[in-house]
């Protein structure tokens, strides 16, 4: 079923940015660096997406379309749980992003947690999805302006162990391995993936989005392939 929606090869890129500015903890992501031009409007990746979303294990409710200036939310849902993991607070996101987060939780996140941490992830601590603003240092809107991106900072297991992007990314042990695996797997599912190796604005979180551009800071490793 996933193959029907999967968007093929994600270009492998090692981001080397040095964008200045102070990162506020609850702000949305910053640079949204462009490497491939795309043809799909932000968030509009699937036809009849909300009907398709019913096949996935999520707690969600539909959200009415709305606009604030150039920022707009279309075909969106408010999600509070994805598979085994609840979100630290409910998040409004495009249906397309919700679909990929569900796939991510099933095929990347939980297998990585079981293998490296020995316990499933039960809480995903995120820093936000929607923020009506431009991408930092850019003249165009961020994918957060469409609720088409999520920033994730901490993964918490059923046993209460927290793995933090800011604290454990460079760790040589199981937590560091878990984060690397999660980032690499995310590159096979999301259109955009940023993290600590991208720039100073992503030192403490992953940025995942479903925008019209393809970029990835890590070598994509699809855990569904042998």
N, C-alpha and C. Protein backbone atom coordinates (compact mmCIF):
# COMPACT_ATOMS: atom_id res chain seq x y z
N UNK A 1 0.82 -1.21 0.00
CA UNK A 1 0.00 0.00 0.00
C UNK A 1 0.85 1.26 0.00
N UNK A 2 1.93 1.21 0.75
CA UNK A 2 2.78 2.39 0.83
C UNK A 2 3.39 2.74 -0.52
N UNK A 3 3.70 1.72 -1.31
CA UNK A 3 4.36 1.97 -2.59
C UNK A 3 3.51 2.87 -3.47
N UNK A 4 2.22 2.79 -3.32
CA UNK A 4 1.32 3.63 -4.12
C UNK A 4 1.55 5.11 -3.85
N UNK A 5 1.99 5.39 -2.62
CA UNK A 5 2.14 6.79 -2.23
C UNK A 5 3.59 7.21 -2.08
N UNK A 6 4.47 6.23 -2.09
CA UNK A 6 5.86 6.56 -1.83
C UNK A 6 6.46 7.33 -2.99
N UNK A 7 7.21 8.33 -2.73
CA UNK A 7 7.68 9.24 -3.76
C UNK A 7 9.11 8.95 -4.22
N UNK A 8 9.51 7.69 -4.11
CA UNK A 8 10.76 7.27 -4.74
C UNK A 8 12.00 7.76 -4.04
N UNK A 9 13.02 7.86 -4.81
CA UNK A 9 14.35 8.17 -4.29
C UNK A 9 14.43 9.59 -3.73
N UNK A 10 15.03 9.73 -2.57
CA UNK A 10 15.29 11.03 -1.97
C UNK A 10 16.77 11.34 -2.17
N UNK A 11 17.06 12.50 -2.73
CA UNK A 11 18.45 12.86 -3.01
C UNK A 11 19.26 12.90 -1.73
N UNK A 12 20.46 12.29 -1.77
CA UNK A 12 21.35 12.28 -0.62
C UNK A 12 22.19 13.54 -0.61
N UNK A 13 22.12 14.30 0.43
CA UNK A 13 22.83 15.56 0.53
C UNK A 13 23.35 15.74 1.95
N UNK A 14 24.54 16.18 2.07
CA UNK A 14 25.07 16.54 3.37
C UNK A 14 24.98 18.05 3.52
N UNK A 15 24.05 18.52 4.30
CA UNK A 15 23.86 19.95 4.45
C UNK A 15 25.02 20.55 5.24
N UNK A 16 25.55 21.64 4.74
CA UNK A 16 26.63 22.32 5.46
C UNK A 16 26.29 23.80 5.48
N UNK A 17 25.44 24.19 6.41
CA UNK A 17 24.97 25.56 6.48
C UNK A 17 25.53 26.22 7.73
N UNK A 18 25.68 27.48 7.67
CA UNK A 18 26.10 28.22 8.86
C UNK A 18 25.24 29.46 8.96
N UNK A 19 23.97 29.26 9.23
CA UNK A 19 23.02 30.36 9.28
C UNK A 19 22.98 30.89 10.70
N UNK A 20 23.14 32.18 10.86
CA UNK A 20 23.17 32.79 12.19
C UNK A 20 21.80 32.96 12.76
N UNK A 21 21.75 33.54 13.95
CA UNK A 21 20.48 33.83 14.61
C UNK A 21 20.28 32.93 15.79
N UNK A 22 19.52 33.40 16.74
CA UNK A 22 19.26 32.66 17.96
C UNK A 22 17.99 31.86 17.79
N UNK A 23 18.02 30.62 18.19
CA UNK A 23 16.86 29.76 18.05
C UNK A 23 16.03 29.80 19.32
N UNK A 24 14.76 30.12 19.18
CA UNK A 24 13.84 30.09 20.30
C UNK A 24 13.23 28.70 20.38
N UNK A 25 13.15 28.14 21.56
CA UNK A 25 12.79 26.74 21.73
C UNK A 25 11.47 26.38 21.07
N UNK A 26 10.47 27.21 21.19
CA UNK A 26 9.17 26.85 20.68
C UNK A 26 8.91 27.40 19.29
N UNK A 27 9.91 27.97 18.67
CA UNK A 27 9.73 28.46 17.30
C UNK A 27 9.78 27.30 16.33
N UNK A 28 9.33 27.55 15.11
CA UNK A 28 9.40 26.51 14.08
C UNK A 28 10.77 26.54 13.44
N UNK A 29 11.02 25.57 12.52
CA UNK A 29 12.35 25.44 11.95
C UNK A 29 12.73 26.61 11.07
N UNK A 30 14.01 26.61 10.68
CA UNK A 30 14.55 27.82 10.12
C UNK A 30 14.83 27.80 8.64
N UNK A 31 15.80 27.02 8.16
CA UNK A 31 16.40 27.35 6.89
C UNK A 31 15.66 26.84 5.67
N UNK A 32 15.02 25.67 5.74
CA UNK A 32 14.30 25.12 4.60
C UNK A 32 15.11 25.23 3.30
N UNK A 33 16.33 24.74 3.31
CA UNK A 33 17.24 24.86 2.18
C UNK A 33 16.68 24.11 0.97
N UNK A 34 16.75 24.70 -0.20
CA UNK A 34 16.19 24.11 -1.41
C UNK A 34 17.29 23.43 -2.22
N UNK A 35 17.05 22.17 -2.60
CA UNK A 35 17.98 21.47 -3.48
C UNK A 35 17.31 20.98 -4.75
N UNK A 36 16.07 20.58 -4.67
CA UNK A 36 15.33 20.14 -5.85
C UNK A 36 14.08 21.01 -5.98
N UNK A 37 13.77 21.42 -7.19
CA UNK A 37 12.50 22.10 -7.39
C UNK A 37 11.42 21.05 -7.49
N UNK A 38 10.24 21.35 -6.96
CA UNK A 38 9.15 20.39 -6.97
C UNK A 38 7.94 20.94 -7.68
N UNK A 39 6.96 20.10 -7.91
CA UNK A 39 5.77 20.50 -8.64
C UNK A 39 4.50 20.35 -7.79
N UNK A 40 4.64 19.80 -6.58
CA UNK A 40 3.48 19.54 -5.75
C UNK A 40 3.25 20.67 -4.77
N UNK A 41 2.06 21.29 -4.73
CA UNK A 41 1.79 22.34 -3.75
C UNK A 41 1.98 21.82 -2.34
N UNK A 42 2.40 22.68 -1.40
CA UNK A 42 2.65 22.25 -0.03
C UNK A 42 1.45 21.52 0.56
N UNK A 43 1.73 20.33 1.08
CA UNK A 43 0.70 19.58 1.78
C UNK A 43 -0.26 18.81 0.91
N UNK A 44 -0.30 19.07 -0.39
CA UNK A 44 -1.27 18.42 -1.26
C UNK A 44 -0.58 17.29 -2.03
N UNK A 45 -0.30 16.21 -1.32
CA UNK A 45 0.46 15.10 -1.88
C UNK A 45 -0.45 13.94 -2.27
N UNK A 46 -1.56 13.78 -1.56
CA UNK A 46 -2.45 12.66 -1.78
C UNK A 46 -3.83 13.15 -2.21
N UNK A 47 -4.45 12.42 -3.14
CA UNK A 47 -5.84 12.67 -3.44
C UNK A 47 -6.70 11.98 -2.38
N UNK A 48 -7.78 12.64 -1.98
CA UNK A 48 -8.68 12.07 -0.97
C UNK A 48 -7.91 11.63 0.27
N UNK A 49 -7.02 12.50 0.74
CA UNK A 49 -6.09 12.11 1.80
C UNK A 49 -6.80 11.71 3.08
N UNK A 50 -7.81 12.47 3.49
CA UNK A 50 -8.43 12.15 4.77
C UNK A 50 -9.18 10.83 4.74
N UNK A 51 -9.65 10.44 3.58
CA UNK A 51 -10.23 9.11 3.45
C UNK A 51 -9.14 8.05 3.57
N UNK A 52 -8.02 8.30 2.96
CA UNK A 52 -6.87 7.39 3.05
C UNK A 52 -6.36 7.30 4.48
N UNK A 53 -6.40 8.42 5.22
CA UNK A 53 -5.86 8.48 6.57
C UNK A 53 -6.59 7.54 7.52
N UNK A 54 -7.83 7.21 7.21
CA UNK A 54 -8.61 6.34 8.09
C UNK A 54 -7.99 4.95 8.24
N UNK A 55 -7.14 4.58 7.32
CA UNK A 55 -6.51 3.26 7.38
C UNK A 55 -5.38 3.20 8.41
N UNK A 56 -4.99 4.35 8.95
CA UNK A 56 -3.84 4.41 9.84
C UNK A 56 -4.27 4.50 11.30
N UNK A 57 -3.37 4.10 12.17
CA UNK A 57 -3.65 4.08 13.61
C UNK A 57 -3.27 5.42 14.23
N UNK A 58 -4.19 6.37 14.16
CA UNK A 58 -3.97 7.70 14.73
C UNK A 58 -5.22 8.15 15.47
N UNK A 59 -5.05 9.03 16.45
CA UNK A 59 -6.15 9.78 17.02
C UNK A 59 -6.09 11.18 16.41
N UNK A 60 -7.14 11.55 15.69
CA UNK A 60 -7.12 12.85 15.01
C UNK A 60 -8.54 13.33 14.78
N UNK A 61 -8.66 14.59 14.45
CA UNK A 61 -9.94 15.15 14.03
C UNK A 61 -9.67 16.13 12.89
N UNK A 62 -10.58 16.23 11.94
CA UNK A 62 -10.40 17.18 10.83
C UNK A 62 -10.40 18.61 11.33
N UNK A 63 -9.68 19.47 10.62
CA UNK A 63 -9.58 20.90 10.95
C UNK A 63 -10.06 21.69 9.74
N UNK A 64 -10.87 22.71 9.99
CA UNK A 64 -11.38 23.53 8.90
C UNK A 64 -10.25 24.30 8.22
N UNK A 65 -10.35 24.46 6.91
CA UNK A 65 -9.39 25.28 6.17
C UNK A 65 -9.44 26.71 6.68
N UNK A 66 -8.27 27.35 6.72
CA UNK A 66 -8.23 28.76 7.12
C UNK A 66 -6.97 29.40 6.59
N UNK A 67 -7.00 30.72 6.54
CA UNK A 67 -5.86 31.49 6.03
C UNK A 67 -5.60 32.67 6.94
N UNK A 68 -4.33 33.02 7.06
CA UNK A 68 -3.90 34.25 7.73
C UNK A 68 -2.90 34.91 6.79
N UNK A 69 -3.36 35.91 6.03
CA UNK A 69 -2.50 36.49 5.02
C UNK A 69 -2.13 35.43 4.00
N UNK A 70 -0.84 35.31 3.71
CA UNK A 70 -0.37 34.31 2.74
C UNK A 70 -0.30 32.92 3.34
N UNK A 71 -0.33 32.82 4.66
CA UNK A 71 -0.27 31.51 5.32
C UNK A 71 -1.63 30.84 5.22
N UNK A 72 -1.62 29.56 4.96
CA UNK A 72 -2.90 28.87 4.82
C UNK A 72 -2.80 27.43 5.31
N UNK A 73 -3.89 26.97 5.88
CA UNK A 73 -4.01 25.58 6.32
C UNK A 73 -5.10 24.93 5.49
N UNK A 74 -4.75 23.89 4.75
CA UNK A 74 -5.67 23.20 3.87
C UNK A 74 -5.58 21.70 4.12
N UNK A 75 -6.73 21.04 4.06
CA UNK A 75 -6.78 19.58 4.18
C UNK A 75 -5.97 19.12 5.40
N UNK A 76 -6.28 19.70 6.55
CA UNK A 76 -5.49 19.46 7.76
C UNK A 76 -6.28 18.69 8.81
N UNK A 77 -5.54 18.13 9.74
CA UNK A 77 -6.11 17.40 10.89
C UNK A 77 -5.35 17.80 12.14
N UNK A 78 -6.00 17.62 13.29
CA UNK A 78 -5.31 17.79 14.56
C UNK A 78 -5.03 16.41 15.12
N UNK A 79 -3.76 16.10 15.32
CA UNK A 79 -3.33 14.76 15.72
C UNK A 79 -2.87 14.79 17.18
N UNK A 80 -3.30 13.78 17.95
CA UNK A 80 -2.86 13.68 19.35
C UNK A 80 -2.10 12.38 19.63
N UNK A 81 -2.29 11.37 18.77
CA UNK A 81 -1.58 10.09 18.94
C UNK A 81 -1.26 9.50 17.59
N UNK A 82 -0.06 8.92 17.49
CA UNK A 82 0.37 8.23 16.28
C UNK A 82 0.84 6.84 16.68
N UNK A 83 0.06 5.82 16.37
CA UNK A 83 0.43 4.47 16.75
C UNK A 83 0.57 4.33 18.24
N UNK A 84 1.72 3.85 18.68
CA UNK A 84 1.97 3.66 20.10
C UNK A 84 2.36 4.95 20.82
N UNK A 85 2.61 6.01 20.08
CA UNK A 85 3.16 7.23 20.67
C UNK A 85 2.15 8.37 20.67
N UNK A 86 1.94 8.96 21.83
CA UNK A 86 1.15 10.18 21.89
C UNK A 86 2.06 11.37 21.61
N UNK A 87 1.49 12.45 21.11
CA UNK A 87 2.23 13.69 20.95
C UNK A 87 2.20 14.45 22.27
N UNK A 88 3.26 15.18 22.55
CA UNK A 88 3.35 15.91 23.81
C UNK A 88 2.22 16.92 23.95
N UNK A 89 1.70 17.40 22.83
CA UNK A 89 0.47 18.19 22.79
C UNK A 89 -0.12 18.01 21.40
N UNK A 90 -1.46 18.11 21.28
CA UNK A 90 -2.07 17.94 19.96
C UNK A 90 -1.48 18.93 18.95
N UNK A 91 -1.35 18.48 17.71
CA UNK A 91 -0.71 19.29 16.68
C UNK A 91 -1.55 19.32 15.42
N UNK A 92 -1.77 20.52 14.87
CA UNK A 92 -2.45 20.67 13.59
C UNK A 92 -1.42 20.51 12.48
N UNK A 93 -1.75 19.66 11.52
CA UNK A 93 -0.83 19.40 10.42
C UNK A 93 -1.61 19.00 9.18
N UNK A 94 -0.97 19.12 8.02
CA UNK A 94 -1.61 18.66 6.80
C UNK A 94 -1.84 17.16 6.89
N UNK A 95 -2.86 16.72 6.19
CA UNK A 95 -3.15 15.29 6.15
C UNK A 95 -1.95 14.51 5.60
N UNK A 96 -1.30 15.07 4.60
CA UNK A 96 -0.13 14.39 4.01
C UNK A 96 0.96 14.17 5.04
N UNK A 97 1.20 15.17 5.89
CA UNK A 97 2.20 15.02 6.94
C UNK A 97 1.77 13.96 7.95
N UNK A 98 0.48 13.93 8.28
CA UNK A 98 -0.02 12.93 9.23
C UNK A 98 0.17 11.52 8.70
N UNK A 99 -0.08 11.32 7.41
CA UNK A 99 0.12 10.01 6.79
C UNK A 99 1.57 9.57 6.94
N UNK A 100 2.50 10.46 6.61
CA UNK A 100 3.91 10.08 6.65
C UNK A 100 4.40 9.88 8.08
N UNK A 101 3.88 10.65 9.02
CA UNK A 101 4.24 10.45 10.43
C UNK A 101 3.79 9.08 10.91
N UNK A 102 2.63 8.65 10.45
CA UNK A 102 2.15 7.32 10.83
C UNK A 102 3.05 6.23 10.25
N UNK A 103 3.43 6.37 8.98
CA UNK A 103 4.37 5.43 8.38
C UNK A 103 5.71 5.46 9.11
N UNK A 104 6.16 6.66 9.43
CA UNK A 104 7.43 6.84 10.14
C UNK A 104 7.39 6.13 11.49
N UNK A 105 6.31 6.30 12.22
CA UNK A 105 6.20 5.66 13.55
C UNK A 105 6.26 4.15 13.44
N UNK A 106 5.63 3.61 12.39
CA UNK A 106 5.53 2.16 12.23
C UNK A 106 6.81 1.53 11.71
N UNK A 107 7.36 2.10 10.64
CA UNK A 107 8.46 1.41 9.95
C UNK A 107 9.85 1.91 10.34
N UNK A 108 9.93 3.07 10.99
CA UNK A 108 11.23 3.62 11.38
C UNK A 108 11.37 3.74 12.88
N UNK A 109 10.49 4.51 13.50
CA UNK A 109 10.66 4.89 14.91
C UNK A 109 10.62 3.69 15.86
N UNK A 110 9.55 2.92 15.82
CA UNK A 110 9.41 1.84 16.79
C UNK A 110 10.43 0.71 16.59
N UNK A 111 10.69 0.28 15.36
CA UNK A 111 11.76 -0.72 15.20
C UNK A 111 13.12 -0.23 15.70
N UNK A 112 13.43 1.04 15.46
CA UNK A 112 14.70 1.59 15.94
C UNK A 112 14.74 1.63 17.46
N UNK A 113 13.63 2.01 18.07
CA UNK A 113 13.57 2.07 19.53
C UNK A 113 13.71 0.68 20.15
N UNK A 114 13.05 -0.29 19.57
CA UNK A 114 13.12 -1.66 20.09
C UNK A 114 14.54 -2.19 20.00
N UNK A 115 15.20 -1.91 18.87
CA UNK A 115 16.54 -2.45 18.66
C UNK A 115 17.60 -1.76 19.50
N UNK A 116 17.53 -0.44 19.63
CA UNK A 116 18.60 0.31 20.29
C UNK A 116 18.30 0.68 21.73
N UNK A 117 17.04 0.92 22.05
CA UNK A 117 16.67 1.38 23.40
C UNK A 117 16.00 0.29 24.21
N UNK A 118 15.51 -0.75 23.55
CA UNK A 118 14.89 -1.86 24.26
C UNK A 118 13.48 -1.58 24.76
N UNK A 119 12.86 -0.52 24.29
CA UNK A 119 11.53 -0.16 24.75
C UNK A 119 10.87 0.72 23.70
N UNK A 120 9.55 0.60 23.50
CA UNK A 120 8.89 1.42 22.47
C UNK A 120 8.81 2.89 22.87
N UNK A 121 8.71 3.74 21.88
CA UNK A 121 8.50 5.17 22.12
C UNK A 121 7.01 5.38 22.40
N UNK A 122 6.70 6.03 23.51
CA UNK A 122 5.30 6.27 23.86
C UNK A 122 4.94 7.76 23.87
N UNK A 123 5.94 8.65 23.83
CA UNK A 123 5.66 10.08 23.74
C UNK A 123 6.66 10.73 22.79
N UNK A 124 6.14 11.50 21.85
CA UNK A 124 6.97 12.30 20.94
C UNK A 124 6.82 13.76 21.38
N UNK A 125 7.91 14.33 21.86
CA UNK A 125 7.90 15.72 22.31
C UNK A 125 8.26 16.61 21.12
N UNK A 126 7.30 17.42 20.69
CA UNK A 126 7.53 18.27 19.52
C UNK A 126 7.48 19.75 19.91
N UNK A 127 8.06 20.58 19.03
CA UNK A 127 8.15 22.02 19.28
C UNK A 127 7.21 22.82 18.40
N UNK A 128 6.36 22.14 17.65
CA UNK A 128 5.36 22.86 16.88
C UNK A 128 5.27 22.41 15.44
N UNK A 129 4.13 22.73 14.82
CA UNK A 129 3.89 22.42 13.41
C UNK A 129 3.55 23.68 12.62
N UNK A 130 2.66 24.50 13.15
CA UNK A 130 2.20 25.68 12.40
C UNK A 130 2.79 26.96 12.97
N UNK A 131 3.35 27.78 12.09
CA UNK A 131 3.83 29.12 12.44
C UNK A 131 3.79 29.96 11.18
N UNK A 132 3.04 31.03 11.19
CA UNK A 132 2.88 31.87 10.00
C UNK A 132 4.07 32.81 9.88
N UNK A 133 5.04 32.39 9.10
CA UNK A 133 6.26 33.19 8.92
C UNK A 133 7.04 32.68 7.73
N UNK A 134 8.01 33.47 7.32
CA UNK A 134 8.94 33.05 6.28
C UNK A 134 9.95 32.06 6.86
N UNK A 135 10.54 31.28 5.98
CA UNK A 135 11.71 30.51 6.37
C UNK A 135 12.81 31.50 6.73
N UNK A 136 13.56 31.20 7.76
CA UNK A 136 14.59 32.13 8.22
C UNK A 136 15.62 32.37 7.13
N UNK A 137 15.98 33.64 6.97
CA UNK A 137 16.95 34.07 5.96
C UNK A 137 16.46 33.83 4.54
N UNK A 138 15.16 33.63 4.38
CA UNK A 138 14.58 33.41 3.06
C UNK A 138 13.40 34.36 2.86
N UNK A 139 13.09 34.63 1.60
CA UNK A 139 11.96 35.49 1.29
C UNK A 139 10.67 34.71 1.09
N UNK A 140 10.75 33.41 1.07
CA UNK A 140 9.56 32.59 0.87
C UNK A 140 9.06 32.04 2.20
N UNK A 141 7.81 31.59 2.20
CA UNK A 141 7.21 31.06 3.41
C UNK A 141 7.83 29.72 3.80
N UNK A 142 7.96 29.53 5.10
CA UNK A 142 8.36 28.23 5.63
C UNK A 142 7.25 27.22 5.42
N UNK A 143 7.59 25.94 5.40
CA UNK A 143 6.56 24.91 5.35
C UNK A 143 5.70 24.92 6.62
N UNK A 144 6.22 25.50 7.69
CA UNK A 144 5.41 25.65 8.90
C UNK A 144 4.24 26.61 8.67
N UNK A 145 4.35 27.49 7.71
CA UNK A 145 3.26 28.42 7.40
C UNK A 145 2.06 27.70 6.79
N UNK A 146 2.26 26.44 6.40
CA UNK A 146 1.18 25.61 5.87
C UNK A 146 0.83 24.46 6.81
N UNK A 147 1.39 24.45 8.02
CA UNK A 147 1.23 23.32 8.95
C UNK A 147 1.70 22.03 8.28
N UNK A 148 2.73 22.16 7.48
CA UNK A 148 3.22 21.05 6.66
C UNK A 148 4.59 20.56 7.12
N UNK A 149 4.95 20.90 8.35
CA UNK A 149 6.24 20.50 8.92
C UNK A 149 6.08 20.32 10.42
N UNK A 150 6.91 19.47 10.99
CA UNK A 150 6.92 19.27 12.43
C UNK A 150 8.35 19.27 12.93
N UNK A 151 8.56 19.86 14.11
CA UNK A 151 9.87 19.88 14.76
C UNK A 151 9.80 18.95 15.98
N UNK A 152 10.67 17.95 16.02
CA UNK A 152 10.66 16.97 17.10
C UNK A 152 11.98 17.03 17.85
N UNK A 153 11.89 17.18 19.17
CA UNK A 153 13.10 17.35 19.97
C UNK A 153 13.46 16.18 20.87
N UNK A 154 12.46 15.46 21.37
CA UNK A 154 12.70 14.41 22.36
C UNK A 154 11.78 13.23 22.09
N UNK A 155 12.33 12.03 22.24
CA UNK A 155 11.56 10.79 22.16
C UNK A 155 11.60 10.11 23.52
N UNK A 156 10.44 9.76 24.05
CA UNK A 156 10.37 9.17 25.39
C UNK A 156 9.82 7.75 25.31
N UNK A 157 10.48 6.81 25.98
CA UNK A 157 10.07 5.41 25.94
C UNK A 157 9.03 5.11 27.01
N UNK A 158 8.47 3.92 26.93
CA UNK A 158 7.48 3.47 27.91
C UNK A 158 8.07 3.41 29.31
N UNK A 159 9.36 3.19 29.40
CA UNK A 159 10.03 3.12 30.70
C UNK A 159 10.45 4.49 31.23
N UNK A 160 10.10 5.56 30.49
CA UNK A 160 10.40 6.91 30.95
C UNK A 160 11.75 7.46 30.53
N UNK A 161 12.49 6.72 29.73
CA UNK A 161 13.80 7.18 29.27
C UNK A 161 13.61 8.16 28.11
N UNK A 162 14.24 9.32 28.21
CA UNK A 162 14.12 10.34 27.17
C UNK A 162 15.42 10.41 26.35
N UNK A 163 15.25 10.43 25.05
CA UNK A 163 16.38 10.61 24.14
C UNK A 163 16.21 11.96 23.46
N UNK A 164 17.16 12.84 23.69
CA UNK A 164 17.07 14.23 23.24
C UNK A 164 17.99 14.47 22.05
N UNK A 165 17.47 15.11 21.02
CA UNK A 165 18.30 15.45 19.87
C UNK A 165 19.46 16.35 20.28
N UNK A 166 19.20 17.31 21.14
CA UNK A 166 20.24 18.26 21.54
C UNK A 166 21.31 17.61 22.42
N UNK A 167 20.94 16.68 23.27
CA UNK A 167 21.88 16.09 24.23
C UNK A 167 22.56 14.83 23.72
N UNK A 168 21.89 14.07 22.85
CA UNK A 168 22.37 12.73 22.55
C UNK A 168 22.76 12.49 21.09
N UNK A 169 22.63 13.51 20.24
CA UNK A 169 22.95 13.32 18.82
C UNK A 169 24.37 12.82 18.62
N UNK A 170 25.31 13.39 19.33
CA UNK A 170 26.72 13.03 19.15
C UNK A 170 27.17 11.91 20.07
N UNK A 171 26.26 11.35 20.83
CA UNK A 171 26.61 10.27 21.75
C UNK A 171 26.97 9.01 20.99
N UNK A 172 27.96 8.30 21.48
CA UNK A 172 28.41 7.08 20.80
C UNK A 172 27.58 5.86 21.18
N UNK A 173 26.75 5.98 22.21
CA UNK A 173 25.99 4.84 22.69
C UNK A 173 24.67 4.62 21.99
N UNK A 174 23.77 3.94 22.69
CA UNK A 174 22.51 3.52 22.09
C UNK A 174 21.61 4.70 21.71
N UNK A 175 21.62 5.76 22.49
CA UNK A 175 20.77 6.90 22.17
C UNK A 175 21.22 7.60 20.90
N UNK A 176 22.52 7.75 20.74
CA UNK A 176 23.03 8.34 19.52
C UNK A 176 22.73 7.48 18.31
N UNK A 177 22.87 6.16 18.47
CA UNK A 177 22.56 5.25 17.38
C UNK A 177 21.08 5.33 17.02
N UNK A 178 20.23 5.41 18.03
CA UNK A 178 18.79 5.54 17.79
C UNK A 178 18.48 6.78 16.97
N UNK A 179 19.04 7.92 17.35
CA UNK A 179 18.76 9.17 16.64
C UNK A 179 19.27 9.13 15.21
N UNK A 180 20.44 8.56 14.99
CA UNK A 180 20.96 8.45 13.62
C UNK A 180 20.05 7.57 12.77
N UNK A 181 19.60 6.47 13.35
CA UNK A 181 18.72 5.56 12.62
C UNK A 181 17.40 6.24 12.28
N UNK A 182 16.86 6.97 13.24
CA UNK A 182 15.59 7.69 13.03
C UNK A 182 15.75 8.73 11.92
N UNK A 183 16.84 9.50 11.96
CA UNK A 183 17.06 10.52 10.93
C UNK A 183 17.24 9.93 9.55
N UNK A 184 18.01 8.85 9.46
CA UNK A 184 18.24 8.22 8.16
C UNK A 184 16.97 7.62 7.60
N UNK A 185 16.17 6.99 8.46
CA UNK A 185 14.92 6.41 8.01
C UNK A 185 13.93 7.48 7.58
N UNK A 186 13.92 8.61 8.30
CA UNK A 186 13.00 9.70 7.97
C UNK A 186 13.26 10.23 6.57
N UNK A 187 14.50 10.18 6.13
CA UNK A 187 14.85 10.68 4.80
C UNK A 187 14.19 9.88 3.68
N UNK A 188 13.72 8.67 3.96
CA UNK A 188 13.05 7.87 2.95
C UNK A 188 11.55 8.10 2.92
N UNK A 189 11.03 8.88 3.87
CA UNK A 189 9.59 9.07 3.97
C UNK A 189 9.15 10.51 3.81
N UNK A 190 9.92 11.44 4.34
CA UNK A 190 9.56 12.85 4.26
C UNK A 190 10.28 13.52 3.10
N UNK A 191 9.72 14.60 2.60
CA UNK A 191 10.37 15.35 1.53
C UNK A 191 11.58 16.12 2.05
N UNK A 192 11.46 16.66 3.26
CA UNK A 192 12.55 17.43 3.84
C UNK A 192 12.92 16.95 5.23
N UNK A 193 14.20 16.77 5.48
CA UNK A 193 14.69 16.36 6.80
C UNK A 193 15.90 17.20 7.16
N UNK A 194 15.83 17.87 8.30
CA UNK A 194 16.95 18.65 8.82
C UNK A 194 17.19 18.24 10.27
N UNK A 195 18.41 18.51 10.76
CA UNK A 195 18.75 18.15 12.13
C UNK A 195 20.03 18.83 12.56
N UNK A 196 20.67 18.33 13.61
CA UNK A 196 21.85 19.00 14.19
C UNK A 196 23.00 19.24 13.22
N UNK A 197 23.16 18.41 12.20
CA UNK A 197 24.25 18.60 11.25
C UNK A 197 23.92 19.61 10.16
N UNK A 198 22.71 20.17 10.19
CA UNK A 198 22.28 21.08 9.13
C UNK A 198 22.80 22.49 9.36
N UNK A 199 22.48 23.07 10.50
CA UNK A 199 22.87 24.43 10.83
C UNK A 199 22.57 24.68 12.30
N UNK A 200 22.94 25.84 12.79
CA UNK A 200 22.78 26.13 14.22
C UNK A 200 21.32 26.17 14.66
N UNK A 201 20.42 26.43 13.75
CA UNK A 201 19.01 26.52 14.11
C UNK A 201 18.35 25.16 14.30
N UNK A 202 19.06 24.08 13.99
CA UNK A 202 18.50 22.75 14.15
C UNK A 202 19.33 21.90 15.10
N UNK A 203 20.02 22.53 16.02
CA UNK A 203 20.87 21.80 16.96
C UNK A 203 20.07 20.94 17.93
N UNK A 204 18.82 21.31 18.19
CA UNK A 204 18.08 20.61 19.24
C UNK A 204 16.83 19.87 18.74
N UNK A 205 16.70 19.69 17.43
CA UNK A 205 15.51 19.00 16.95
C UNK A 205 15.66 18.53 15.51
N UNK A 206 14.77 17.60 15.15
CA UNK A 206 14.59 17.21 13.75
C UNK A 206 13.47 18.06 13.15
N UNK A 207 13.63 18.43 11.90
CA UNK A 207 12.58 19.06 11.12
C UNK A 207 12.18 18.09 10.02
N UNK A 208 10.91 17.69 10.00
CA UNK A 208 10.37 16.84 8.94
C UNK A 208 9.28 17.61 8.23
N UNK A 209 9.29 17.61 6.89
CA UNK A 209 8.21 18.29 6.17
C UNK A 209 7.83 17.54 4.91
N UNK A 210 6.67 17.94 4.36
CA UNK A 210 6.15 17.35 3.13
C UNK A 210 6.02 18.42 2.04
N UNK A 211 6.93 19.37 2.03
CA UNK A 211 6.90 20.46 1.07
C UNK A 211 7.30 20.03 -0.33
N UNK A 212 7.34 20.97 -1.27
CA UNK A 212 7.62 20.64 -2.67
C UNK A 212 9.10 20.54 -3.00
N UNK A 213 9.97 20.52 -1.99
CA UNK A 213 11.40 20.43 -2.21
C UNK A 213 11.95 19.20 -1.51
N UNK A 214 12.96 18.59 -2.10
CA UNK A 214 13.57 17.39 -1.54
C UNK A 214 14.95 17.71 -0.99
N UNK A 215 15.15 17.48 0.28
CA UNK A 215 16.47 17.67 0.87
C UNK A 215 16.59 16.77 2.09
N UNK A 216 17.81 16.32 2.34
CA UNK A 216 18.06 15.40 3.44
C UNK A 216 19.49 15.59 3.92
N UNK A 217 19.67 15.64 5.23
CA UNK A 217 20.99 15.86 5.78
C UNK A 217 21.77 14.57 6.00
N UNK A 218 21.11 13.43 5.87
CA UNK A 218 21.73 12.15 6.16
C UNK A 218 21.56 11.20 4.99
N UNK A 219 22.37 10.15 4.96
CA UNK A 219 22.23 9.13 3.94
C UNK A 219 20.95 8.35 4.19
N UNK A 220 20.00 8.38 3.26
CA UNK A 220 18.74 7.67 3.49
C UNK A 220 18.96 6.17 3.63
N UNK A 221 18.40 5.58 4.66
CA UNK A 221 18.43 4.13 4.85
C UNK A 221 17.00 3.70 5.11
N UNK A 222 16.43 2.94 4.18
CA UNK A 222 15.04 2.52 4.29
C UNK A 222 15.00 1.19 5.06
N UNK A 223 14.42 1.17 6.27
CA UNK A 223 14.41 -0.06 7.06
C UNK A 223 13.50 -1.13 6.48
N UNK A 224 12.70 -0.78 5.47
CA UNK A 224 11.82 -1.78 4.85
C UNK A 224 12.55 -2.61 3.82
N UNK A 225 13.76 -2.17 3.46
CA UNK A 225 14.53 -2.89 2.43
C UNK A 225 15.62 -3.75 3.11
N UNK A 226 15.85 -4.94 2.61
CA UNK A 226 16.87 -5.82 3.22
C UNK A 226 18.28 -5.27 3.01
